[in-house]
């Protein structure tokens, strides 16, 4: 199923909801995921310009693992400036910055398979030795652990404990983590206040999503999201099925369940199959671990005395903004080069040739 097929689903959803529908999907594919980013704004404007000025309601169907929270805020502001009523439809995951977008909606229609998540921003700190991913809450809980679980109360020892963290992570990243947490909380509260009359309730919900969960990947299902006070609605059976079909369509076309594995793509390419035809009796099972796959591939290359494999093209579909009126798709195209090194390891080099949005005005 592709965009042409999805348009039929969008039309049916719009008929049920009695308002236009826009979809925004970022890839959740392993090794080929995408994030909510500022380059999508121009494509939202194209979608909004296609909707008649006398229409006062709109829905946004959303699938994403998150991204830039400031972009989420901009998206909601754009929609809110243009429409009186705004709904979010969730067929699957809507984490982090995608959750922020949902907070700005008057109603959140959640499929039973869908999830929201905490809005505690995570930072990645890289050194030569390792990579550390953390958030402001990790730092706070570390100090609480030192005081409450370890039982350290001496201020000098507490200061030393903090200095250990600052040395491990860096003082500036700690400040950035705190500011990011404050930003997410502030944005969440503002987005909720756009449609909630009770400001205290909005603040409580924003604080809950920012501080009350012990993992950034915590999944809030329909029941839990409703329990914390979000305006959640369960879809009827017809809408539930349509949302699921949209999700399955993107799952298939973006290959959510198939990790991007350049070596596997090379092995599955027809020209590689022809090259390896003299030893076709060697069967390479699917889903081999990367190291085992490389060794099997190397054994085949050794038997036929091949060092360089012809380059193979690849195409990734990683983001989409669609409606019945038009669609924008972000695609990455490139080539995969592979060869057998003198030490019998396999070298893979992935080169991007094209990386941009493609707009179709129908």
Protein backbone atom coordinates (compact mmCIF):
# COMPACT_ATOMS: atom_id res chain seq x y z
CA UNK A 1 0.00 0.00 0.00
CA UNK A 2 1.30 3.48 -0.91
CA UNK A 3 0.14 7.10 -0.85
CA UNK A 4 -2.49 6.52 -3.54
CA UNK A 5 -4.07 3.81 -1.43
CA UNK A 6 -3.77 5.82 1.79
CA UNK A 7 -5.71 8.71 0.23
CA UNK A 8 -8.78 6.47 0.22
CA UNK A 9 -8.30 5.81 3.93
CA UNK A 10 -7.81 9.52 4.63
CA UNK A 11 -11.07 10.32 2.84
CA UNK A 12 -12.99 7.78 4.94
CA UNK A 13 -11.44 9.10 8.18
CA UNK A 14 -12.36 12.67 7.21
CA UNK A 15 -15.94 11.62 6.52
CA UNK A 16 -16.20 10.05 9.98
CA UNK A 17 -14.57 13.00 11.73
CA UNK A 18 -16.25 15.62 9.49
CA UNK A 19 -13.03 17.60 9.09
CA UNK A 20 -9.85 17.57 6.95
CA UNK A 21 -7.02 15.24 7.88
CA UNK A 22 -3.26 15.78 7.67
CA UNK A 23 -0.78 13.01 8.51
CA UNK A 24 2.77 13.44 9.77
CA UNK A 25 4.94 10.34 10.07
CA UNK A 26 8.65 10.03 10.87
CA UNK A 27 10.35 6.67 10.43
CA UNK A 28 10.74 4.45 13.48
CA UNK A 29 12.83 1.94 11.51
CA UNK A 30 15.95 0.67 13.28
CA UNK A 31 19.10 2.26 11.79
CA UNK A 32 16.94 4.46 9.54
CA UNK A 33 14.81 6.43 11.97
CA UNK A 34 13.86 10.08 11.58
CA UNK A 35 12.94 12.89 13.97
CA UNK A 36 10.54 15.80 14.08
CA UNK A 37 12.64 18.63 12.66
CA UNK A 38 12.26 22.23 11.47
CA UNK A 39 12.45 21.36 7.76
CA UNK A 40 8.91 19.95 7.99
CA UNK A 41 7.34 23.37 8.69
CA UNK A 42 7.31 24.41 5.02
CA UNK A 43 5.41 21.25 4.16
CA UNK A 44 2.83 21.84 6.87
CA UNK A 45 2.25 25.29 5.36
CA UNK A 46 1.63 23.68 1.97
CA UNK A 47 -0.96 21.40 3.54
CA UNK A 48 -2.69 24.22 5.42
CA UNK A 49 -2.86 26.36 2.28
CA UNK A 50 -4.89 23.61 0.59
CA UNK A 51 -7.69 23.77 3.18
CA UNK A 52 -10.57 26.17 2.56
CA UNK A 53 -10.64 29.28 4.76
CA UNK A 54 -14.19 28.53 5.93
CA UNK A 55 -13.11 25.24 7.56
CA UNK A 56 -12.59 25.69 11.32
CA UNK A 57 -11.51 22.16 12.38
CA UNK A 58 -8.65 19.85 11.46
CA UNK A 59 -7.15 16.52 12.52
CA UNK A 60 -3.51 15.49 12.56
CA UNK A 61 -2.65 11.78 12.35
CA UNK A 62 0.73 11.29 13.96
CA UNK A 63 3.34 8.50 14.15
CA UNK A 64 6.77 9.45 15.52
CA UNK A 65 9.34 8.71 18.20
CA UNK A 66 9.87 12.44 18.74
CA UNK A 67 12.48 15.03 17.90
CA UNK A 68 12.80 18.80 18.39
CA UNK A 69 10.26 20.09 20.97
CA UNK A 70 10.43 23.63 19.60
CA UNK A 71 9.20 22.32 16.24
CA UNK A 72 6.28 20.60 18.01
CA UNK A 73 5.35 23.93 19.55
CA UNK A 74 5.55 25.67 16.16
CA UNK A 75 3.35 23.03 14.51
CA UNK A 76 0.64 23.40 17.13
CA UNK A 77 0.80 27.21 16.94
CA UNK A 78 0.40 27.09 13.16
CA UNK A 79 -2.65 24.87 13.48
CA UNK A 80 -4.14 26.82 16.39
CA UNK A 81 -3.80 30.15 14.56
CA UNK A 82 -5.73 28.71 11.63
CA UNK A 83 -8.40 26.48 13.25
CA UNK A 84 -10.74 26.67 16.24
CA UNK A 85 -10.78 22.91 16.84
CA UNK A 86 -7.79 20.58 16.63
CA UNK A 87 -7.69 16.82 17.08
CA UNK A 88 -4.81 14.36 17.07
CA UNK A 89 -5.26 10.78 15.87
CA UNK A 90 -2.76 8.23 17.15
CA UNK A 91 -2.62 4.82 15.45
CA UNK A 92 0.73 3.87 17.01
CA UNK A 93 3.67 5.57 18.75
CA UNK A 94 3.77 9.28 19.56
CA UNK A 95 6.64 9.77 21.95
CA UNK A 96 8.52 12.77 23.37
CA UNK A 97 8.11 15.72 20.95
CA UNK A 98 5.18 13.90 19.31
CA UNK A 99 3.53 13.75 22.73
CA UNK A 100 4.00 17.53 22.96
CA UNK A 101 2.07 17.99 19.72
CA UNK A 102 -0.71 15.85 21.17
CA UNK A 103 -0.87 18.05 24.28
CA UNK A 104 -1.91 20.95 22.07
CA UNK A 105 -5.02 19.15 20.76
CA UNK A 106 -8.57 19.53 22.07
CA UNK A 107 -8.95 15.77 21.82
CA UNK A 108 -6.55 12.85 21.42
CA UNK A 109 -8.05 9.85 19.62
CA UNK A 110 -5.94 6.87 20.66
CA UNK A 111 -6.02 3.46 18.98
CA UNK A 112 -5.63 0.65 21.55
CA UNK A 113 -2.16 -0.02 20.06
CA UNK A 114 -1.02 3.60 20.43
CA UNK A 115 1.15 5.20 23.08
CA UNK A 116 2.19 8.60 24.34
CA UNK A 117 5.33 9.09 26.40
CA UNK A 118 7.15 11.33 28.89
CA UNK A 119 8.43 14.73 27.76
CA UNK A 120 11.72 14.70 29.66
CA UNK A 121 14.34 15.59 27.00
CA UNK A 122 17.33 13.26 26.64
CA UNK A 123 20.83 14.49 25.80
CA UNK A 124 23.69 12.52 24.29
CA UNK A 125 27.19 13.28 25.55
CA UNK A 126 30.03 11.74 23.56
CA UNK A 127 33.63 11.27 24.59
CA UNK A 128 36.46 9.35 22.95
CA UNK A 129 35.76 6.39 25.20
CA UNK A 130 31.95 6.23 25.31
CA UNK A 131 28.57 7.78 24.71
CA UNK A 132 26.26 8.75 27.58
CA UNK A 133 22.55 9.45 27.17
CA UNK A 134 20.87 11.20 30.08
CA UNK A 135 18.29 13.74 31.17
CA UNK A 136 17.79 16.15 34.02
CA UNK A 137 15.79 13.57 35.97
CA UNK A 138 18.73 11.12 35.84
CA UNK A 139 20.91 13.70 37.58
CA UNK A 140 18.28 14.45 40.20
CA UNK A 141 17.67 10.76 40.92
CA UNK A 142 21.41 10.13 41.24
CA UNK A 143 21.71 12.74 43.98
CA UNK A 144 18.56 11.41 45.66
CA UNK A 145 20.10 7.93 45.60
CA UNK A 146 23.27 9.25 47.26
CA UNK A 147 21.29 11.00 49.99
CA UNK A 148 18.38 8.64 50.64
CA UNK A 149 19.63 5.17 49.67
CA UNK A 150 23.33 5.45 50.45
CA UNK A 151 22.63 7.71 53.44
CA UNK A 152 25.14 10.45 52.69
CA UNK A 153 24.17 13.68 54.44
CA UNK A 154 27.51 15.45 54.80
CA UNK A 155 27.53 18.44 52.43
CA UNK A 156 31.17 17.98 51.54
CA UNK A 157 30.58 14.36 50.49
CA UNK A 158 27.49 15.38 48.52
CA UNK A 159 29.54 17.99 46.74
CA UNK A 160 32.15 15.37 45.84
CA UNK A 161 29.40 13.12 44.49
CA UNK A 162 28.17 15.93 42.27
CA UNK A 163 31.73 16.68 41.14
CA UNK A 164 32.04 13.04 40.01
CA UNK A 165 29.00 13.47 37.77
CA UNK A 166 30.24 16.81 36.44
CA UNK A 167 33.56 15.19 35.59
CA UNK A 168 31.84 12.25 33.89
CA UNK A 169 29.29 14.25 31.91
CA UNK A 170 30.57 17.81 31.87
CA UNK A 171 29.24 20.90 33.62
CA UNK A 172 27.80 22.54 30.49
CA UNK A 173 25.76 19.45 29.44
CA UNK A 174 24.30 19.35 32.97
CA UNK A 175 23.11 22.94 32.52
CA UNK A 176 21.72 22.10 29.09
CA UNK A 177 19.84 19.12 30.54
CA UNK A 178 18.23 21.34 33.16
CA UNK A 179 17.24 24.00 30.62
CA UNK A 180 15.83 21.36 28.26
CA UNK A 181 13.71 19.93 31.05
CA UNK A 182 12.41 23.39 31.95
CA UNK A 183 11.67 24.10 28.28
CA UNK A 184 9.70 20.86 27.83
CA UNK A 185 7.70 21.50 31.00
CA UNK A 186 6.96 25.10 29.99
CA UNK A 187 5.91 24.11 26.48
CA UNK A 188 3.72 21.28 27.73
CA UNK A 189 1.94 23.62 30.13
CA UNK A 190 1.42 26.29 27.44
CA UNK A 191 0.12 23.77 24.92
CA UNK A 192 -2.40 22.38 27.41
CA UNK A 193 -3.52 25.88 28.39
CA UNK A 194 -4.43 26.54 24.76
CA UNK A 195 -7.55 24.43 25.25
CA UNK A 196 -7.88 23.77 29.00
CA UNK A 197 -9.74 26.24 31.22
CA UNK A 198 -8.15 24.87 34.41
CA UNK A 199 -4.55 26.13 34.47
CA UNK A 200 -3.75 24.13 37.62
CA UNK A 201 -4.78 20.93 35.87
CA UNK A 202 -2.62 21.83 32.87
CA UNK A 203 0.36 22.43 35.13
CA UNK A 204 -0.14 19.13 36.95
CA UNK A 205 -0.33 17.14 33.69
CA UNK A 206 2.77 18.87 32.29
CA UNK A 207 4.69 18.19 35.48
CA UNK A 208 3.59 14.55 35.52
CA UNK A 209 4.82 13.98 31.97
CA UNK A 210 8.07 15.79 32.75
CA UNK A 211 9.01 14.22 36.10
CA UNK A 212 6.83 11.32 37.20
CA UNK A 213 8.07 8.47 35.01
CA UNK A 214 11.27 6.53 35.54
CA UNK A 215 12.18 5.98 31.90
CA UNK A 216 12.02 8.18 28.81
CA UNK A 217 10.60 5.23 26.88
CA UNK A 218 7.69 4.69 29.28
CA UNK A 219 4.60 3.99 27.18
CA UNK A 220 1.34 5.66 28.21
CA UNK A 221 -1.58 3.75 26.81
CA UNK A 222 -5.11 5.06 26.44
CA UNK A 223 -6.18 4.25 30.00
CA UNK A 224 -3.12 5.76 31.70
CA UNK A 225 -3.18 8.87 29.48
CA UNK A 226 -6.82 9.43 30.40
CA UNK A 227 -6.05 8.84 34.08
CA UNK A 228 -3.53 11.70 34.24
CA UNK A 229 -6.14 14.06 32.80
CA UNK A 230 -5.50 14.18 29.06
CA UNK A 231 -8.54 14.64 26.75
CA UNK A 232 -8.36 11.09 25.38
CA UNK A 233 -11.08 9.52 23.23
CA UNK A 234 -11.40 5.87 22.21
CA UNK A 235 -12.26 5.52 18.50
CA UNK A 236 -15.28 3.55 17.34
CA UNK A 237 -14.65 0.26 15.55
CA UNK A 238 -14.71 1.75 12.05
CA UNK A 239 -12.26 4.54 12.87
CA UNK A 240 -10.10 2.12 14.86
CA UNK A 241 -9.77 -0.15 11.82
CA UNK A 242 -8.96 2.75 9.49
CA UNK A 243 -6.24 4.05 11.81
CA UNK A 244 -4.73 0.60 11.97
CA UNK A 245 -4.74 0.30 8.18
CA UNK A 246 -2.92 3.63 7.86
CA UNK A 247 -0.31 2.42 10.34
CA UNK A 248 0.15 -0.87 8.48
CA UNK A 249 0.59 1.02 5.22
CA UNK A 250 3.43 3.13 6.60
CA UNK A 251 4.87 0.10 8.40
CA UNK A 252 5.12 -1.66 5.04
CA UNK A 253 6.34 1.25 2.90
CA UNK A 254 8.84 2.63 5.45
CA UNK A 255 9.79 -0.92 6.53
CA UNK A 256 9.42 -0.26 10.25
CA UNK A 257 10.00 -3.93 11.12
CA UNK A 258 13.07 -4.40 8.93
CA UNK A 259 16.31 -2.85 10.25
CA UNK A 260 18.36 -1.02 7.64
CA UNK A 261 21.24 -3.46 7.06
CA UNK A 262 23.52 -2.35 4.17
CA UNK A 263 25.30 -5.71 3.98
CA UNK A 264 22.01 -7.59 3.71
CA UNK A 265 20.93 -5.22 0.92
CA UNK A 266 24.15 -5.98 -0.97
CA UNK A 267 23.64 -9.73 -0.59
CA UNK A 268 20.04 -9.53 -1.78
CA UNK A 269 20.87 -7.44 -4.84
CA UNK A 270 20.45 -9.30 -8.19
CA UNK A 271 23.90 -8.37 -9.49
CA UNK A 272 25.47 -9.73 -6.31
CA UNK A 273 23.47 -12.96 -6.72
CA UNK A 274 24.86 -13.36 -10.23
CA UNK A 275 28.37 -12.71 -8.97
CA UNK A 276 27.98 -15.38 -6.30
CA UNK A 277 26.29 -17.88 -8.62
CA UNK A 278 29.32 -20.26 -8.74
CA UNK A 279 28.76 -21.00 -5.07
CA UNK A 280 25.00 -20.81 -4.91
CA UNK A 281 24.97 -24.01 -2.91
CA UNK A 282 26.05 -21.92 0.10
CA UNK A 283 22.86 -20.82 1.82
CA UNK A 284 22.96 -17.70 4.01
CA UNK A 285 20.07 -17.81 6.53
CA UNK A 286 18.02 -14.66 6.98
CA UNK A 287 18.51 -12.42 10.03
CA UNK A 288 22.05 -13.56 10.82
CA UNK A 289 23.92 -11.44 13.39
CA UNK A 290 26.11 -8.84 11.59
CA UNK A 291 29.43 -10.49 12.51
CA UNK A 292 28.25 -13.96 11.44
CA UNK A 293 26.79 -12.53 8.23
CA UNK A 294 30.06 -10.77 7.39
CA UNK A 295 32.03 -13.96 7.96
CA UNK A 296 29.67 -15.99 5.76
CA UNK A 297 29.85 -13.32 3.07
CA UNK A 298 33.65 -13.26 3.32
CA UNK A 299 33.84 -17.05 2.93
CA UNK A 300 31.87 -16.84 -0.29
CA UNK A 301 34.04 -14.03 -1.65
CA UNK A 302 37.20 -15.95 -0.82
CA UNK A 303 36.01 -19.03 -2.73
CA UNK A 304 35.39 -17.06 -5.91
CA UNK A 305 38.42 -14.77 -5.40
CA UNK A 306 36.41 -11.54 -5.32
CA UNK A 307 37.70 -8.46 -3.51
CA UNK A 308 35.43 -5.66 -4.79
CA UNK A 309 31.64 -5.93 -5.09
CA UNK A 310 29.82 -3.58 -7.51
CA UNK A 311 28.05 -0.68 -5.77
CA UNK A 312 24.39 -1.25 -4.88
CA UNK A 313 21.73 1.49 -4.78
CA UNK A 314 19.54 2.03 -1.74
CA UNK A 315 16.46 4.14 -1.03
CA UNK A 316 15.05 5.13 2.36
CA UNK A 317 11.61 6.65 2.93
CA UNK A 318 11.91 8.30 6.34
CA UNK A 319 9.30 11.05 6.72
CA UNK A 320 5.95 12.04 5.27
CA UNK A 321 3.36 14.82 5.42
CA UNK A 322 0.22 13.79 3.54
CA UNK A 323 -3.45 14.53 2.94
CA UNK A 324 -5.97 13.93 0.18
CA UNK A 325 -4.76 17.20 -1.37
CA UNK A 326 -0.99 16.71 -1.65
CA UNK A 327 1.95 14.90 -0.13
CA UNK A 328 5.57 15.49 0.81
CA UNK A 329 8.01 12.64 1.34
CA UNK A 330 11.56 12.82 2.67
CA UNK A 331 13.79 10.28 0.97
CA UNK A 332 17.46 9.40 1.16
CA UNK A 333 19.10 7.77 -1.86
CA UNK A 334 22.64 6.55 -2.16
CA UNK A 335 25.05 3.74 -2.88
CA UNK A 336 26.51 0.95 -0.79
CA UNK A 337 30.11 -0.02 -1.53
CA UNK A 338 31.58 -3.23 -0.12
CA UNK A 339 34.86 -5.07 -0.46
CA UNK A 340 36.95 -7.78 1.20
CA UNK A 341 39.94 -6.36 3.06
CA UNK A 342 43.40 -8.01 3.33
CA UNK A 343 42.61 -9.03 6.91
CA UNK A 344 39.49 -10.83 5.60
CA UNK A 345 37.05 -8.40 7.19
CA UNK A 346 34.26 -6.92 5.07
CA UNK A 347 34.24 -3.16 4.65
CA UNK A 348 30.90 -1.46 4.01
CA UNK A 349 30.70 2.20 3.00
CA UNK A 350 27.29 3.86 2.71
CA UNK A 351 27.33 7.06 0.65
CA UNK A 352 24.34 9.42 0.53
CA UNK A 353 23.77 10.85 -2.93
CA UNK A 354 20.44 12.60 -2.35
CA UNK A 355 18.63 13.60 0.85
CA UNK A 356 15.62 15.89 0.49
CA UNK A 357 11.86 16.42 0.58
CA UNK A 358 9.90 15.55 -2.56
CA UNK A 359 6.60 17.40 -2.99
CA UNK A 360 3.69 16.15 -5.10
CA UNK A 361 0.80 18.53 -5.70
CA UNK A 362 -1.37 15.74 -7.16
